[in-house]
Amino acid sequence: MALAGSLAAEPLGLGRPALPEEVAAWDIDVRPDGLGLPEGSGDVATGEPLYTEKCAGCHGDFGEAVDRWPQLAGGGGSLSDADPVKTLGSYWPYLSSGYDYIHRAMPFTEARSRSADETYAILAYVLYLNDLVDEGFTLSRETFLDVEMPNAGGFFADDRDRVELCAFSQAPCAAGCKAGVTVTRHATVLDVTPEDAADAAAAPGAEVAAVPADEPGVPEPDPALVAAGAQVFKKCAACHKVGDGARNGVGPVLTGVVGAAAGAHEGCL
């Protein structure tokens, strides 16, 4: 142990300090207060043809969206609806989210291909589509914080790690449970709702086998229902992995969730 400790305290002689140019290449995030914004500017008129060429194919000429790509404009007053429309003009509290995402990840097939001036211009046009600026507006580091985001006061600090997680990690109550389960709703986004005949067993209204309230354990599944579920799960597997060695990805691993406490997390009392 003493030898290991002494070795750990000594420099290993590996690597080198990052060059300023290398740090700058990765340090591209933008904070809500504008810190990190580059020099440059772009106006609504310049952004319109750029948006039409690089963005409208997925997001629509006026931000209305094409097929299932995200809508970028509208949605005002919809956040309390069952299916809210989340756009720059209705949902996002900070304009930095728009600049950071466009500059970092858009267009979809050409991430980080837009210059600072082009990013400013495209974002200015998206703001114009949301009626947040007029047609003569120029967006820059100097005017960035002048834009008032409609939902700037709609967010609060996330305290779920201290409040909700532990509260929902206790053993679930098993008294007064329903004898059966019926699927009453289904997904309306991301094209995950089963529509063809092969998925009929998992369609809304289909009866699902349930564990009787007075009998522990999981009943034997219906083979036909399992086969139908395997087909449906292919649409889920892009985010959720199952099986030995599965690891969390975009979504959490689903192995072992049956019978586990809701919201369970290692180390939570």
Protein backbone atom coordinates (compact mmCIF):
# COMPACT_ATOMS: atom_id res chain seq x y z
CA MET A 1 0.00 0.00 0.00
CA ALA A 2 2.87 2.39 0.81
CA LEU A 3 4.51 1.68 -2.55
CA ALA A 4 1.24 2.24 -4.43
CA GLY A 5 0.68 5.51 -2.59
CA SER A 6 4.14 6.81 -3.41
CA LEU A 7 3.73 5.94 -7.09
CA ALA A 8 0.39 7.68 -7.25
CA ALA A 9 1.94 10.85 -5.89
CA GLU A 10 4.62 10.95 -8.62
CA PRO A 11 3.97 12.41 -12.12
CA LEU A 12 3.56 9.62 -14.66
CA GLY A 13 5.15 11.56 -17.49
CA LEU A 14 2.24 10.92 -19.85
CA GLY A 15 0.67 13.45 -22.18
CA ARG A 16 1.28 17.18 -22.35
CA PRO A 17 -0.62 20.38 -21.52
CA ALA A 18 -3.28 21.22 -24.07
CA LEU A 19 -2.39 24.04 -26.44
CA PRO A 20 -4.57 27.17 -26.33
CA GLU A 21 -5.75 26.38 -29.86
CA GLU A 22 -6.85 22.90 -28.76
CA VAL A 23 -8.73 24.25 -25.77
CA ALA A 24 -10.44 26.85 -27.96
CA ALA A 25 -11.57 24.16 -30.41
CA TRP A 26 -13.51 22.38 -27.65
CA ASP A 27 -14.56 25.38 -25.57
CA ILE A 28 -17.59 26.35 -27.66
CA ASP A 29 -20.42 26.27 -25.12
CA VAL A 30 -22.45 29.43 -24.45
CA ARG A 31 -23.88 30.28 -21.02
CA PRO A 32 -27.28 31.90 -20.38
CA ASP A 33 -25.53 35.14 -19.45
CA GLY A 34 -23.82 35.22 -22.87
CA LEU A 35 -20.39 34.11 -21.68
CA GLY A 36 -18.74 32.16 -24.49
CA LEU A 37 -20.44 33.99 -27.35
CA PRO A 38 -18.01 34.67 -30.21
CA GLU A 39 -17.50 37.92 -32.04
CA GLY A 40 -19.82 38.34 -34.99
CA SER A 41 -23.37 39.25 -35.92
CA GLY A 42 -26.24 38.25 -38.20
CA ASP A 43 -29.54 39.86 -39.09
CA VAL A 44 -32.97 38.48 -39.94
CA ALA A 45 -32.64 39.21 -43.67
CA THR A 46 -29.35 37.31 -43.89
CA GLY A 47 -30.72 34.44 -41.85
CA GLU A 48 -33.77 33.82 -44.04
CA PRO A 49 -31.97 32.31 -47.09
CA LEU A 50 -29.59 30.40 -44.80
CA TYR A 51 -32.55 28.93 -42.92
CA THR A 52 -34.36 28.10 -46.17
CA GLU A 53 -31.31 26.29 -47.53
CA LYS A 54 -30.10 24.47 -44.43
CA CYS A 55 -33.05 24.17 -42.02
CA ALA A 56 -36.42 24.34 -43.80
CA GLY A 57 -36.16 20.81 -45.23
CA CYS A 58 -36.75 19.42 -41.72
CA HIS A 59 -38.24 22.30 -39.75
CA GLY A 60 -40.52 23.83 -42.39
CA ASP A 61 -40.36 27.17 -44.21
CA PHE A 62 -41.95 28.95 -41.25
CA GLY A 63 -40.76 26.69 -38.41
CA GLU A 64 -43.94 24.60 -38.59
CA ALA A 65 -41.94 21.33 -38.91
CA VAL A 66 -41.90 18.65 -41.60
CA ASP A 67 -43.09 15.14 -40.73
CA ARG A 68 -41.81 14.36 -37.21
CA TRP A 69 -38.92 16.83 -37.06
CA PRO A 70 -39.18 19.42 -34.27
CA GLN A 71 -41.34 22.50 -34.64
CA LEU A 72 -39.35 25.71 -34.16
CA ALA A 73 -42.03 28.40 -34.08
CA GLY A 74 -45.39 28.90 -32.39
CA GLY A 75 -46.74 27.06 -29.39
CA GLY A 76 -47.45 30.15 -27.31
CA GLY A 77 -49.80 29.37 -24.42
CA SER A 78 -49.62 25.60 -25.02
CA LEU A 79 -47.37 24.55 -22.13
CA SER A 80 -50.34 23.68 -19.92
CA ASP A 81 -51.90 21.51 -22.66
CA ALA A 82 -51.73 17.72 -22.65
CA ASP A 83 -49.46 17.87 -25.72
CA PRO A 84 -47.53 21.18 -25.44
CA VAL A 85 -45.63 22.64 -28.38
CA LYS A 86 -42.09 23.38 -27.20
CA THR A 87 -40.32 25.98 -29.32
CA LEU A 88 -37.86 28.81 -28.82
CA GLY A 89 -40.84 31.13 -28.54
CA SER A 90 -42.89 29.06 -26.10
CA TYR A 91 -40.62 26.89 -23.95
CA TRP A 92 -36.85 27.49 -23.87
CA PRO A 93 -35.95 30.03 -21.15
CA TYR A 94 -32.50 30.99 -22.45
CA LEU A 95 -31.52 32.21 -25.90
CA SER A 96 -28.11 30.61 -25.36
CA SER A 97 -29.77 27.20 -25.86
CA GLY A 98 -30.66 28.22 -29.41
CA TYR A 99 -27.21 29.56 -30.31
CA ASP A 100 -25.33 26.70 -28.62
CA TYR A 101 -27.40 23.98 -30.28
CA ILE A 102 -27.37 25.48 -33.78
CA HIS A 103 -23.62 26.12 -33.64
CA ARG A 104 -22.80 22.75 -32.08
CA ALA A 105 -25.12 20.32 -33.86
CA MET A 106 -26.92 21.82 -36.86
CA PRO A 107 -27.58 21.21 -39.69
CA PHE A 108 -28.30 17.59 -38.84
CA THR A 109 -25.86 16.15 -41.40
CA GLU A 110 -23.33 19.01 -41.22
CA ALA A 111 -22.76 19.66 -37.52
CA ARG A 112 -20.47 22.63 -36.70
CA SER A 113 -20.37 23.73 -40.34
CA ARG A 114 -21.90 27.18 -39.75
CA SER A 115 -19.73 30.18 -38.93
CA ALA A 116 -20.50 32.44 -35.97
CA ASP A 117 -22.04 35.06 -38.28
CA GLU A 118 -24.24 32.43 -39.98
CA THR A 119 -25.33 31.03 -36.60
CA TYR A 120 -26.27 34.49 -35.38
CA ALA A 121 -28.24 35.10 -38.59
CA ILE A 122 -30.14 31.79 -38.51
CA LEU A 123 -31.02 32.28 -34.85
CA ALA A 124 -32.16 35.85 -35.58
CA TYR A 125 -34.51 34.48 -38.25
CA VAL A 126 -35.89 31.82 -35.89
CA LEU A 127 -36.56 34.57 -33.35
CA TYR A 128 -38.37 36.50 -36.07
CA LEU A 129 -40.50 33.43 -36.90
CA ASN A 130 -41.54 33.43 -33.23
CA ASP A 131 -42.42 37.16 -33.30
CA LEU A 132 -39.74 37.88 -30.70
CA VAL A 133 -37.84 40.42 -32.87
CA ASP A 134 -38.73 42.60 -35.84
CA GLU A 135 -37.48 42.13 -39.40
CA GLY A 136 -34.67 44.66 -38.98
CA PHE A 137 -33.12 42.99 -35.92
CA THR A 138 -29.42 42.13 -35.83
CA LEU A 139 -28.25 39.53 -33.30
CA SER A 140 -24.74 39.79 -31.86
CA ARG A 141 -22.89 39.42 -28.59
CA GLU A 142 -23.90 42.98 -27.76
CA THR A 143 -27.66 42.50 -28.45
CA PHE A 144 -27.95 38.91 -27.22
CA LEU A 145 -29.32 39.69 -23.77
CA ASP A 146 -31.76 42.26 -25.18
CA VAL A 147 -34.00 39.44 -26.40
CA GLU A 148 -36.74 38.65 -23.87
CA MET A 149 -37.60 34.95 -23.80
CA PRO A 150 -41.32 34.37 -23.06
CA ASN A 151 -40.70 31.45 -20.70
CA ALA A 152 -37.63 32.87 -18.94
CA GLY A 153 -39.36 32.53 -15.55
CA GLY A 154 -40.87 29.12 -16.15
CA PHE A 155 -37.99 26.97 -14.90
CA PHE A 156 -36.69 26.23 -11.39
CA ALA A 157 -33.73 24.38 -9.87
CA ASP A 158 -33.90 20.59 -10.25
CA ASP A 159 -34.02 19.07 -6.75
CA ARG A 160 -35.18 15.57 -7.69
CA ASP A 161 -31.90 13.99 -6.54
CA ARG A 162 -32.63 15.21 -2.98
CA VAL A 163 -36.43 15.08 -2.88
CA GLU A 164 -38.11 12.72 -5.31
CA LEU A 165 -35.53 9.97 -5.88
CA CYS A 166 -35.33 8.77 -2.30
CA ALA A 167 -39.06 9.23 -1.75
CA PHE A 168 -39.87 6.87 -4.61
CA SER A 169 -37.14 4.33 -3.82
CA GLN A 170 -39.01 2.76 -0.91
CA ALA A 171 -40.74 -0.61 -1.12
CA PRO A 172 -43.99 -0.14 -3.11
CA CYS A 173 -47.32 -0.56 -1.39
CA ALA A 174 -49.03 -3.86 -2.30
CA ALA A 175 -52.41 -3.25 -0.66
CA GLY A 176 -55.60 -2.56 -2.55
CA CYS A 177 -54.06 -3.20 -5.96
CA LYS A 178 -56.19 -3.58 -9.06
CA ALA A 179 -56.81 -7.11 -10.29
CA GLY A 180 -56.02 -6.24 -13.89
CA VAL A 181 -54.28 -3.64 -16.03
CA THR A 182 -55.63 -1.96 -19.16
CA VAL A 183 -53.61 0.19 -21.52
CA THR A 184 -55.61 3.41 -21.81
CA ARG A 185 -53.16 5.70 -23.58
CA HIS A 186 -50.36 5.40 -26.09
CA ALA A 187 -47.39 7.44 -27.30
CA THR A 188 -48.11 10.29 -29.70
CA VAL A 189 -44.52 11.25 -30.53
CA LEU A 190 -41.38 9.74 -32.07
CA ASP A 191 -43.34 7.27 -34.19
CA VAL A 192 -43.44 4.62 -31.45
CA THR A 193 -47.18 3.96 -31.45
CA PRO A 194 -47.87 0.47 -32.88
CA GLU A 195 -50.08 0.67 -35.94
CA ASP A 196 -49.85 -2.57 -37.92
CA ALA A 197 -51.64 -5.84 -37.31
CA ALA A 198 -48.56 -7.53 -35.83
CA ASP A 199 -48.58 -5.01 -33.01
CA ALA A 200 -52.31 -5.26 -32.33
CA ALA A 201 -51.80 -7.08 -29.04
CA ALA A 202 -50.03 -4.03 -27.64
CA ALA A 203 -52.51 -1.48 -29.02
CA PRO A 204 -54.55 0.78 -26.70
CA GLY A 205 -57.28 -1.15 -24.88
CA ALA A 206 -55.49 -4.51 -25.02
CA GLU A 207 -55.62 -6.46 -21.78
CA VAL A 208 -52.26 -7.08 -20.10
CA ALA A 209 -51.63 -9.92 -17.66
CA ALA A 210 -51.27 -8.62 -14.09
CA VAL A 211 -50.02 -10.04 -10.81
CA PRO A 212 -52.93 -10.74 -8.43
CA ALA A 213 -52.80 -8.52 -5.34
CA ASP A 214 -52.50 -11.48 -2.95
CA GLU A 215 -49.90 -13.48 -4.92
CA PRO A 216 -46.23 -12.38 -5.13
CA GLY A 217 -44.10 -12.97 -8.20
CA VAL A 218 -44.66 -12.60 -11.93
CA PRO A 219 -47.06 -14.85 -13.86
CA GLU A 220 -45.99 -16.79 -16.94
CA PRO A 221 -46.33 -14.44 -19.94
CA ASP A 222 -48.51 -15.20 -22.95
CA PRO A 223 -46.10 -16.34 -25.74
CA ALA A 224 -48.12 -14.50 -28.37
CA LEU A 225 -48.01 -11.32 -26.33
CA VAL A 226 -44.24 -11.75 -25.83
CA ALA A 227 -43.73 -12.12 -29.59
CA ALA A 228 -45.81 -9.03 -30.27
CA GLY A 229 -43.92 -7.13 -27.59
CA ALA A 230 -40.57 -8.12 -29.11
CA GLN A 231 -41.64 -6.48 -32.37
CA VAL A 232 -42.75 -3.31 -30.61
CA PHE A 233 -39.56 -3.20 -28.52
CA LYS A 234 -37.44 -2.82 -31.65
CA LYS A 235 -38.67 0.78 -31.70
CA CYS A 236 -37.47 1.21 -28.10
CA ALA A 237 -34.09 -0.51 -28.41
CA ALA A 238 -32.44 2.53 -29.98
CA CYS A 239 -32.46 4.13 -26.51
CA HIS A 240 -33.04 1.27 -24.03
CA LYS A 241 -30.78 -1.82 -23.83
CA VAL A 242 -31.56 -5.17 -22.19
CA GLY A 243 -29.65 -8.33 -21.39
CA ASP A 244 -26.34 -9.26 -19.74
CA GLY A 245 -23.78 -6.52 -20.02
CA ALA A 246 -26.30 -3.88 -21.10
CA ARG A 247 -25.32 -0.31 -20.23
CA ASN A 248 -27.21 2.96 -19.99
CA GLY A 249 -27.31 4.96 -23.20
CA VAL A 250 -29.74 7.64 -24.28
CA GLY A 251 -32.24 5.90 -22.00
CA PRO A 252 -31.67 3.66 -18.96
CA VAL A 253 -31.09 -0.09 -19.08
CA LEU A 254 -34.38 -1.97 -18.68
CA THR A 255 -32.91 -5.25 -17.42
CA GLY A 256 -34.13 -6.00 -13.91
CA VAL A 257 -36.78 -3.32 -13.69
CA VAL A 258 -39.60 -5.84 -13.12
CA GLY A 259 -40.21 -6.02 -9.39
CA ALA A 260 -37.76 -3.21 -8.58
CA ALA A 261 -38.81 -0.24 -6.50
CA ALA A 262 -39.88 2.76 -8.57
CA GLY A 263 -37.09 5.31 -8.98
CA ALA A 264 -34.56 2.98 -7.32
CA HIS A 265 -30.97 4.24 -7.38
CA GLU A 266 -27.86 2.70 -5.89
CA GLY A 267 -26.81 4.47 -2.70
CA CYS A 268 -30.18 6.13 -2.07
CA LEU A 269 -31.69 5.41 1.34
